[in-house]
Amino acid sequence: MIESLTLAVTDMKCGGCETNITKKLKVISGVISVVASARNNEISIEYNNELTDIDTIKATIIEAGFGV
């Protein structure tokens, strides 16, 4: 089932940060789309919950050096 999620993310300061976190999230199996906004300090993600989960998404964000 396809779900949408918006998370508050800290330490995103620029377009480079947006690109970095977007690339890291898009390699997760089941992630369909990612829109990162340093300006709003949030990430919107569309994903298939049969292939991934919120914990995996959050762990990936943290591993990339951002807070969630």
N, C-alpha and C. Protein backbone atom coordinates (compact mmCIF):
# COMPACT_ATOMS: atom_id res chain seq x y z
N MET A 1 0.84 -1.17 0.00
CA MET A 1 0.00 0.00 0.00
C MET A 1 0.89 1.25 0.00
N ILE A 2 0.54 2.22 -0.79
CA ILE A 2 1.30 3.46 -0.89
C ILE A 2 0.89 4.41 0.24
N GLU A 3 1.90 4.94 0.92
CA GLU A 3 1.66 5.90 2.00
C GLU A 3 2.49 7.14 1.77
N SER A 4 2.05 8.24 2.35
CA SER A 4 2.79 9.49 2.32
C SER A 4 3.14 9.88 3.75
N LEU A 5 4.29 10.52 3.88
CA LEU A 5 4.80 10.87 5.19
C LEU A 5 5.58 12.18 5.08
N THR A 6 5.38 13.08 6.02
CA THR A 6 6.18 14.30 6.10
C THR A 6 6.86 14.31 7.45
N LEU A 7 8.18 14.46 7.42
CA LEU A 7 8.97 14.46 8.64
C LEU A 7 9.70 15.78 8.81
N ALA A 8 9.77 16.25 10.04
CA ALA A 8 10.60 17.41 10.36
C ALA A 8 12.04 16.92 10.43
N VAL A 9 12.94 17.62 9.74
CA VAL A 9 14.34 17.23 9.67
C VAL A 9 15.20 18.42 10.07
N THR A 10 16.16 18.19 10.96
CA THR A 10 17.06 19.25 11.38
C THR A 10 18.40 19.13 10.67
N ASP A 11 19.14 20.20 10.68
CA ASP A 11 20.50 20.27 10.12
C ASP A 11 20.54 20.31 8.59
N MET A 12 19.41 20.44 7.92
CA MET A 12 19.40 20.65 6.48
C MET A 12 19.52 22.15 6.25
N LYS A 13 20.60 22.56 5.60
CA LYS A 13 20.86 23.99 5.50
C LYS A 13 20.84 24.55 4.07
N CYS A 14 20.92 23.67 3.06
CA CYS A 14 21.05 24.19 1.70
C CYS A 14 20.55 23.17 0.68
N GLY A 15 20.63 23.56 -0.57
CA GLY A 15 20.24 22.68 -1.66
C GLY A 15 21.08 21.43 -1.73
N GLY A 16 22.35 21.54 -1.34
CA GLY A 16 23.22 20.36 -1.32
C GLY A 16 22.73 19.34 -0.31
N CYS A 17 22.27 19.82 0.83
CA CYS A 17 21.71 18.93 1.84
C CYS A 17 20.45 18.24 1.30
N GLU A 18 19.62 19.01 0.62
CA GLU A 18 18.39 18.44 0.04
C GLU A 18 18.73 17.33 -0.94
N THR A 19 19.71 17.59 -1.80
CA THR A 19 20.13 16.60 -2.80
C THR A 19 20.69 15.36 -2.12
N ASN A 20 21.54 15.56 -1.12
CA ASN A 20 22.16 14.45 -0.41
C ASN A 20 21.11 13.53 0.21
N ILE A 21 20.19 14.08 0.96
CA ILE A 21 19.21 13.26 1.64
C ILE A 21 18.23 12.62 0.65
N THR A 22 17.91 13.33 -0.42
CA THR A 22 17.03 12.76 -1.45
C THR A 22 17.67 11.53 -2.09
N LYS A 23 18.93 11.63 -2.45
CA LYS A 23 19.64 10.48 -3.05
C LYS A 23 19.69 9.29 -2.11
N LYS A 24 19.97 9.55 -0.84
CA LYS A 24 20.06 8.46 0.14
C LYS A 24 18.71 7.76 0.33
N LEU A 25 17.63 8.53 0.34
CA LEU A 25 16.31 7.94 0.55
C LEU A 25 15.81 7.20 -0.69
N LYS A 26 16.14 7.69 -1.87
CA LYS A 26 15.63 7.07 -3.09
C LYS A 26 16.22 5.70 -3.36
N VAL A 27 17.33 5.34 -2.73
CA VAL A 27 17.88 4.00 -2.93
C VAL A 27 17.20 2.94 -2.07
N ILE A 28 16.36 3.37 -1.14
CA ILE A 28 15.62 2.42 -0.32
C ILE A 28 14.53 1.78 -1.17
N SER A 29 14.52 0.46 -1.18
CA SER A 29 13.48 -0.25 -1.93
C SER A 29 12.11 0.12 -1.37
N GLY A 30 11.23 0.57 -2.25
CA GLY A 30 9.88 0.94 -1.83
C GLY A 30 9.65 2.44 -1.78
N VAL A 31 10.73 3.24 -1.75
CA VAL A 31 10.56 4.69 -1.75
C VAL A 31 10.25 5.13 -3.18
N ILE A 32 9.13 5.83 -3.34
CA ILE A 32 8.65 6.24 -4.65
C ILE A 32 9.09 7.65 -4.98
N SER A 33 8.92 8.57 -4.03
CA SER A 33 9.31 9.95 -4.27
C SER A 33 9.75 10.61 -2.97
N VAL A 34 10.64 11.60 -3.13
CA VAL A 34 11.16 12.36 -1.99
C VAL A 34 11.21 13.82 -2.38
N VAL A 35 10.68 14.69 -1.53
CA VAL A 35 10.80 16.13 -1.71
C VAL A 35 11.37 16.67 -0.41
N ALA A 36 12.61 17.17 -0.49
CA ALA A 36 13.27 17.72 0.70
C ALA A 36 13.27 19.23 0.62
N SER A 37 13.01 19.88 1.74
CA SER A 37 13.00 21.34 1.80
C SER A 37 13.82 21.82 2.99
N ALA A 38 15.02 22.36 2.70
CA ALA A 38 15.84 22.94 3.76
C ALA A 38 15.14 24.18 4.33
N ARG A 39 14.46 24.89 3.48
CA ARG A 39 13.75 26.10 3.90
C ARG A 39 12.68 25.81 4.96
N ASN A 40 11.96 24.71 4.76
CA ASN A 40 10.89 24.34 5.69
C ASN A 40 11.33 23.29 6.71
N ASN A 41 12.58 22.84 6.59
CA ASN A 41 13.11 21.80 7.49
C ASN A 41 12.22 20.56 7.52
N GLU A 42 11.86 20.08 6.32
CA GLU A 42 11.03 18.88 6.26
C GLU A 42 11.30 18.08 5.00
N ILE A 43 10.90 16.83 5.07
CA ILE A 43 11.00 15.92 3.94
C ILE A 43 9.64 15.25 3.78
N SER A 44 9.13 15.26 2.55
CA SER A 44 7.89 14.55 2.23
C SER A 44 8.27 13.32 1.41
N ILE A 45 7.76 12.19 1.81
CA ILE A 45 8.14 10.92 1.19
C ILE A 45 6.88 10.14 0.85
N GLU A 46 6.88 9.55 -0.34
CA GLU A 46 5.83 8.62 -0.74
C GLU A 46 6.50 7.26 -0.86
N TYR A 47 5.94 6.25 -0.21
CA TYR A 47 6.59 4.94 -0.20
C TYR A 47 5.57 3.80 -0.13
N ASN A 48 6.03 2.62 -0.51
CA ASN A 48 5.22 1.41 -0.43
C ASN A 48 5.51 0.75 0.92
N ASN A 49 4.53 0.71 1.81
CA ASN A 49 4.76 0.19 3.16
C ASN A 49 4.93 -1.33 3.20
N GLU A 50 4.76 -1.99 2.07
CA GLU A 50 5.03 -3.42 2.01
C GLU A 50 6.51 -3.69 1.75
N LEU A 51 7.24 -2.65 1.31
CA LEU A 51 8.66 -2.80 0.99
C LEU A 51 9.59 -2.09 1.95
N THR A 52 9.10 -1.07 2.64
CA THR A 52 9.91 -0.36 3.63
C THR A 52 9.01 0.19 4.73
N ASP A 53 9.63 0.75 5.76
CA ASP A 53 8.84 1.28 6.86
C ASP A 53 9.43 2.60 7.36
N ILE A 54 8.71 3.23 8.26
CA ILE A 54 9.11 4.53 8.78
C ILE A 54 10.45 4.43 9.51
N ASP A 55 10.68 3.36 10.25
CA ASP A 55 11.93 3.22 10.99
C ASP A 55 13.14 3.17 10.06
N THR A 56 13.01 2.50 8.93
CA THR A 56 14.10 2.45 7.95
C THR A 56 14.35 3.83 7.36
N ILE A 57 13.28 4.54 7.06
CA ILE A 57 13.40 5.89 6.51
C ILE A 57 14.09 6.81 7.52
N LYS A 58 13.66 6.78 8.76
CA LYS A 58 14.27 7.62 9.80
C LYS A 58 15.73 7.27 10.01
N ALA A 59 16.05 5.98 10.03
CA ALA A 59 17.44 5.54 10.23
C ALA A 59 18.33 6.04 9.10
N THR A 60 17.82 6.04 7.88
CA THR A 60 18.59 6.51 6.73
C THR A 60 18.86 8.00 6.84
N ILE A 61 17.88 8.76 7.29
CA ILE A 61 18.05 10.20 7.47
C ILE A 61 19.12 10.47 8.53
N ILE A 62 19.08 9.74 9.63
CA ILE A 62 20.06 9.90 10.70
C ILE A 62 21.46 9.50 10.22
N GLU A 63 21.56 8.39 9.50
CA GLU A 63 22.85 7.93 8.97
C GLU A 63 23.45 8.95 8.00
N ALA A 64 22.59 9.72 7.34
CA ALA A 64 23.06 10.75 6.41
C ALA A 64 23.54 12.00 7.14
N GLY A 65 23.36 12.04 8.46
CA GLY A 65 23.87 13.16 9.24
C GLY A 65 22.85 14.22 9.61
N PHE A 66 21.58 13.87 9.48
CA PHE A 66 20.52 14.82 9.80
C PHE A 66 19.71 14.32 10.99
N GLY A 67 19.05 15.22 11.67
CA GLY A 67 18.17 14.84 12.76
C GLY A 67 16.75 14.71 12.27
N VAL A 68 16.00 13.86 12.92
CA VAL A 68 14.61 13.65 12.52
C VAL A 68 13.74 13.49 13.75
